[in-house]
Protein backbone atom coordinates (compact mmCIF):
# COMPACT_ATOMS: atom_id res chain seq x y z
CA MET A 1 -11.30 18.11 33.54
CA ALA A 2 -12.61 20.26 30.36
CA LYS A 3 -15.25 22.83 31.08
CA ALA A 4 -18.75 22.22 29.36
CA GLY A 5 -18.65 23.56 25.75
CA ALA A 6 -14.93 23.78 25.56
CA ALA A 7 -13.26 22.44 22.55
CA VAL A 8 -12.40 18.88 23.62
CA SER A 9 -12.12 17.46 20.19
CA THR A 10 -8.63 18.62 19.68
CA PHE A 11 -7.38 16.85 22.87
CA HIS A 12 -6.98 13.15 23.90
CA PHE A 13 -6.30 11.50 27.04
CA LYS A 14 -2.92 9.82 27.26
CA LYS A 15 -1.37 7.68 30.20
CA THR A 16 1.66 9.09 31.61
CA SER A 17 3.10 5.69 32.21
CA HIS A 18 3.74 2.84 29.54
CA PRO A 19 2.17 -0.39 30.54
CA LEU A 20 5.82 -2.07 30.59
CA ASP A 21 6.69 0.50 33.37
CA GLU A 22 7.19 -0.96 36.91
CA ASN A 23 5.25 2.02 38.10
CA PHE A 24 2.12 1.72 35.80
CA MET A 25 -0.03 0.41 38.20
CA SER A 26 0.87 2.59 41.15
CA ASN A 27 1.14 5.98 38.76
CA ASN A 28 -1.89 5.58 36.49
CA LYS A 29 -2.51 9.69 36.18
CA SER A 30 -3.95 10.96 32.65
CA GLU A 31 -3.09 14.40 31.01
CA LEU A 32 -4.44 16.00 28.40
CA ILE A 33 -2.40 16.53 25.01
CA ASP A 34 -2.60 18.62 22.19
CA GLU A 35 -3.17 16.88 18.78
CA SER A 36 -0.20 18.76 17.38
CA ARG A 37 2.08 16.91 19.96
CA LEU A 38 1.01 13.54 18.82
CA THR A 39 3.59 13.79 15.86
CA ASP A 40 6.27 13.70 18.62
CA LEU A 41 5.12 10.18 19.73
CA SER A 42 4.62 7.01 17.67
CA PRO A 43 3.63 7.30 14.32
CA LEU A 44 0.46 5.03 15.08
CA ASP A 45 -0.57 7.71 17.41
CA VAL A 46 -1.31 10.37 14.45
CA ILE A 47 -4.77 10.97 13.88
CA PRO A 48 -5.22 11.91 10.14
CA ASP A 49 -8.07 14.32 9.29
CA GLU A 50 -9.07 11.87 6.37
CA MET A 51 -8.80 8.04 5.68
CA PRO A 52 -5.75 7.02 3.90
CA PHE A 53 -5.74 5.44 0.76
CA ASP A 54 -9.77 5.88 0.51
CA VAL A 55 -10.13 5.39 -3.23
CA PRO A 56 -13.44 3.46 -4.26
CA TYR A 57 -13.35 -0.09 -5.54
CA GLY A 58 -14.63 0.13 -9.32
CA LEU A 59 -15.61 -2.52 -11.71
CA PRO A 60 -13.08 -5.20 -12.29
CA ILE A 61 -10.42 -4.82 -15.04
CA SER A 62 -11.23 -6.45 -18.39
CA LEU A 63 -8.84 -9.02 -19.60
CA ALA A 64 -7.99 -7.01 -22.77
CA ARG A 65 -6.86 -4.04 -20.33
CA ALA A 66 -5.19 -6.39 -18.05
CA GLN A 67 -2.93 -7.62 -21.37
CA ALA A 68 -2.24 -4.29 -22.13
CA VAL A 69 -0.79 -3.58 -18.80
CA ILE A 70 1.45 -6.66 -18.83
CA HIS A 71 2.47 -5.89 -22.48
CA ALA A 72 3.55 -2.35 -21.49
CA ALA A 73 5.46 -3.84 -18.28
CA MET A 74 6.88 -6.55 -20.56
CA ALA A 75 8.22 -4.01 -22.92
CA GLU A 76 10.21 -2.18 -20.09
CA ALA A 77 11.36 -5.30 -18.57
CA THR A 78 12.85 -6.39 -22.24
CA ARG A 79 14.37 -3.26 -23.05
CA ARG A 80 16.37 -3.40 -19.80
CA ASN A 81 17.03 -7.13 -20.13
CA TRP A 82 15.14 -8.13 -16.80
CA LYS A 83 13.20 -11.63 -16.44
CA MET A 84 9.94 -10.96 -14.88
CA ASN A 85 6.73 -12.32 -13.75
CA ILE A 86 3.70 -10.07 -14.15
CA ALA A 87 0.69 -10.54 -12.78
CA VAL A 88 -2.60 -8.52 -13.01
CA ALA A 89 -5.59 -8.81 -10.50
CA ASP A 90 -8.90 -7.26 -10.49
CA SER A 91 -10.46 -4.64 -8.04
CA GLY A 92 -11.32 -7.98 -5.61
CA GLY A 93 -7.92 -9.20 -5.80
CA ASN A 94 -8.57 -11.91 -8.23
CA LEU A 95 -5.96 -12.98 -10.94
CA VAL A 96 -7.19 -11.79 -14.42
CA ALA A 97 -4.13 -12.22 -16.35
CA PHE A 98 -0.35 -13.36 -15.93
CA GLN A 99 3.03 -13.48 -17.95
CA ARG A 100 6.04 -15.24 -17.20
CA MET A 101 8.74 -14.19 -19.23
CA ASP A 102 11.39 -16.65 -20.45
CA GLY A 103 14.01 -17.47 -17.86
CA ALA A 104 11.97 -15.78 -14.88
CA MET A 105 12.62 -17.04 -11.54
CA LEU A 106 9.71 -19.80 -10.54
CA ALA A 107 9.64 -18.62 -6.99
CA SER A 108 8.57 -15.15 -8.31
CA ILE A 109 5.49 -16.56 -9.74
CA GLN A 110 3.40 -16.48 -6.64
CA ILE A 111 5.27 -13.34 -5.54
CA ALA A 112 4.01 -11.21 -8.49
CA GLU A 113 0.44 -12.50 -7.87
CA HIS A 114 0.64 -11.59 -4.11
CA LYS A 115 1.66 -8.30 -5.09
CA ALA A 116 -1.27 -7.54 -7.53
CA ARG A 117 -3.68 -9.17 -4.85
CA ALA A 118 -2.31 -7.31 -2.07
CA SER A 119 -1.89 -4.03 -3.93
CA ALA A 120 -5.50 -4.08 -5.12
CA THR A 121 -7.18 -5.34 -1.79
CA PHE A 122 -5.40 -2.95 0.66
CA ARG A 123 -5.74 0.00 -2.10
CA ARG A 124 -2.19 0.87 -1.99
CA PRO A 125 1.25 0.31 -3.71
CA THR A 126 3.02 -2.65 -1.68
CA LYS A 127 6.05 -0.07 -1.20
CA VAL A 128 3.93 1.30 1.57
CA PHE A 129 3.95 -2.10 3.50
CA GLU A 130 7.81 -2.14 2.92
CA ASP A 131 8.53 1.41 4.02
CA GLY A 132 6.32 0.91 7.12
CA ILE A 133 8.15 -2.10 8.10
CA GLN A 134 11.83 -1.18 7.00
CA ARG A 135 11.72 2.42 7.73
CA MET A 136 8.98 2.77 10.08
CA HIS A 137 9.72 -0.35 12.03
CA LEU A 138 5.79 -0.80 12.08
CA ASN A 139 6.13 -4.80 12.45
CA TYR A 140 2.51 -4.92 13.30
CA LEU A 141 1.81 -4.71 9.66
CA LEU A 142 3.17 -8.47 9.30
CA ALA A 143 0.21 -9.57 11.23
CA PHE A 144 -2.11 -8.69 8.51
CA ASP A 145 -3.43 -11.32 6.23
CA GLY A 146 -2.35 -10.68 2.74
CA ILE A 147 0.46 -8.23 3.31
CA ILE A 148 3.62 -8.33 1.26
CA ALA A 149 6.32 -5.94 2.24
CA SER A 150 8.01 -5.80 -1.06
CA ARG A 151 7.87 -3.22 -3.71
CA GLY A 152 6.53 -4.15 -7.39
CA GLY A 153 2.60 -3.96 -6.26
CA ILE A 154 0.54 -0.93 -7.74
CA PRO A 155 -3.13 -0.12 -7.96
CA LEU A 156 -4.72 0.52 -11.23
CA ILE A 157 -6.69 3.60 -10.82
CA ASP A 158 -9.09 4.53 -13.52
CA HIS A 159 -11.48 7.53 -13.42
CA GLY A 160 -10.77 7.74 -9.74
CA LYS A 161 -11.58 4.07 -8.93
CA ILE A 162 -9.45 1.03 -8.39
CA ILE A 163 -10.03 -1.39 -11.16
CA GLY A 164 -7.25 -3.81 -10.13
CA ALA A 165 -3.67 -3.92 -9.78
CA ILE A 166 -0.16 -5.13 -11.11
CA GLY A 167 2.44 -7.06 -9.26
CA CYS A 168 5.92 -7.91 -10.59
CA SER A 169 8.51 -9.83 -9.14
CA GLY A 170 11.78 -11.37 -10.66
CA GLY A 171 14.25 -8.65 -9.89
CA THR A 172 15.19 -6.57 -7.00
CA ASP A 173 12.45 -4.88 -5.40
CA SER A 174 13.34 -1.38 -7.08
CA GLN A 175 13.38 -3.47 -10.65
CA ASP A 176 10.03 -4.91 -10.08
CA GLU A 177 8.78 -1.28 -9.06
CA ILE A 178 10.15 0.34 -12.43
CA VAL A 179 8.46 -2.56 -14.48
CA GLY A 180 5.24 -2.27 -12.47
CA GLN A 181 5.08 1.25 -13.10
CA ALA A 182 5.51 0.76 -16.70
CA GLY A 183 2.89 -1.26 -17.10
CA ALA A 184 0.36 1.02 -14.54
CA THR A 185 0.89 3.95 -16.85
CA VAL A 186 -1.39 2.13 -19.24
CA ILE A 187 -4.55 3.01 -16.78
CA ASN A 188 -3.30 5.31 -14.32
CA GLN A 189 -3.25 8.30 -16.44
CA PRO A 190 -3.31 11.92 -14.94
CA THR A 191 -6.61 13.33 -14.95
CA ALA A 192 -6.99 16.78 -16.91
CA THR A 193 -7.98 19.77 -14.98
CA SER A 194 -10.28 22.24 -16.51
CA LYS A 195 -9.60 25.98 -15.73
């Protein structure tokens, strides 16, 4: 037990047995563990100091800006001779603009829209979900409605607020991401820092 007034905020209780362990019911002791040891455990046990991907939602992207994003993405895809479907959703995940390049795969229409919607509503690139499932084996992500674990969805952030997202599909995931990044640069300009 921690003494009164002791700094207990840096400690958490942890069961010493796993629920699937046959001795779990008979050996149900708790111990204090230091937060620095949490990184040795599951990535789900890490407690970040700040909310991840805590970018506020802004006003929805206009049609003119969405079309400019699509135009830049199409220019990159055309330069590389890739046939893409490109969607732009607003900050609420609603479709604002879409373009299917000649010969682009029909199945990728819905995928591009899904990537844009997921990136806007979850406030992060869809590559985060792909990495979470493929690299970190966080398969629970698949249980969330609206998730797509495939690169090519990138938030559009203007003056620190999400105004929408671009979603690209038609090539490999890495090709989709390159085209999406080309479109996103229209909005996602680095902010100038004053000295």
